[in-house]
Amino acid sequence: MLEVSHYEKTLAITEFKAHALQILADVAKTKEPVVVTKRGKALA
């Protein structure tokens, strides 16, 4: 049986804050998850 893994996009909170509207539009369009991190630890 093959294992299928998906890759999540990871963004620092500062990058997310700077580009939030575009990131959210991309997520809505692609349905690909984005992990927002602070100091390398996932926040959302």
C-alpha atoms as a PDB file:
ATOM      1  CA  MET A   1       0.000   0.000   0.000  1.00  0.00           C
ATOM      2  CA  LEU A   2       1.303   3.443  -0.910  1.00  0.00           C
ATOM      3  CA  GLU A   3       1.462   6.205   1.642  1.00  0.00           C
ATOM      4  CA  VAL A   4       0.227   9.507   0.350  1.00  0.00           C
ATOM      5  CA  SER A   5       1.437  12.565   2.183  1.00  0.00           C
ATOM      6  CA  HIS A   6       0.351  16.132   1.655  1.00  0.00           C
ATOM      7  CA  TYR A   7       2.544  19.131   2.070  1.00  0.00           C
ATOM      8  CA  GLU A   8       1.334  22.074   4.063  1.00  0.00           C
ATOM      9  CA  LYS A   9       2.550  25.571   3.400  1.00  0.00           C
ATOM     10  CA  THR A  10       4.163  27.082   6.492  1.00  0.00           C
ATOM     11  CA  LEU A  11       4.319  30.820   7.110  1.00  0.00           C
ATOM     12  CA  ALA A  12       5.726  32.914   9.939  1.00  0.00           C
ATOM     13  CA  ILE A  13       3.134  35.070  11.669  1.00  0.00           C
ATOM     14  CA  THR A  14       4.902  38.239  10.471  1.00  0.00           C
ATOM     15  CA  GLU A  15       4.634  37.139   6.834  1.00  0.00           C
ATOM     16  CA  PHE A  16       0.988  36.173   7.331  1.00  0.00           C
ATOM     17  CA  LYS A  17       0.185  39.567   8.850  1.00  0.00           C
ATOM     18  CA  ALA A  18       1.885  41.378   5.987  1.00  0.00           C
ATOM     19  CA  HIS A  19       0.029  39.435   3.271  1.00  0.00           C
ATOM     20  CA  ALA A  20      -3.100  38.104   5.005  1.00  0.00           C
ATOM     21  CA  LEU A  21      -5.669  39.023   2.339  1.00  0.00           C
ATOM     22  CA  GLN A  22      -3.685  37.432  -0.476  1.00  0.00           C
ATOM     23  CA  ILE A  23      -2.886  34.314   1.575  1.00  0.00           C
ATOM     24  CA  LEU A  24      -6.541  33.834   2.517  1.00  0.00           C
ATOM     25  CA  ALA A  25      -7.600  34.302  -1.110  1.00  0.00           C
ATOM     26  CA  ASP A  26      -5.057  31.661  -2.171  1.00  0.00           C
ATOM     27  CA  VAL A  27      -6.314  29.223   0.483  1.00  0.00           C
ATOM     28  CA  ALA A  28      -9.917  29.762  -0.625  1.00  0.00           C
ATOM     29  CA  LYS A  29      -8.930  29.174  -4.250  1.00  0.00           C
ATOM     30  CA  THR A  30      -6.625  26.144  -3.823  1.00  0.00           C
ATOM     31  CA  LYS A  31      -8.109  24.584  -0.650  1.00  0.00           C
ATOM     32  CA  GLU A  32      -4.513  23.869   0.458  1.00  0.00           C
ATOM     33  CA  PRO A  33      -3.839  24.265   4.186  1.00  0.00           C
ATOM     34  CA  VAL A  34      -1.469  26.894   5.562  1.00  0.00           C
ATOM     35  CA  VAL A  35       0.203  26.587   8.956  1.00  0.00           C
ATOM     36  CA  VAL A  36       0.978  29.895  10.672  1.00  0.00           C
ATOM     37  CA  THR A  37       3.951  29.712  13.027  1.00  0.00           C
ATOM     38  CA  LYS A  38       5.545  31.823  15.724  1.00  0.00           C
ATOM     39  CA  ARG A  39       9.176  31.041  16.445  1.00  0.00           C
ATOM     40  CA  GLY A  40       8.778  27.746  14.594  1.00  0.00           C
ATOM     41  CA  LYS A  41       5.749  26.524  16.566  1.00  0.00           C
ATOM     42  CA  ALA A  42       2.346  26.207  14.915  1.00  0.00           C
ATOM     43  CA  LEU A  43      -0.266  28.750  15.976  1.00  0.00           C
ATOM     44  CA  ALA A  44      -3.072  28.063  13.513  1.00  0.00           C
END
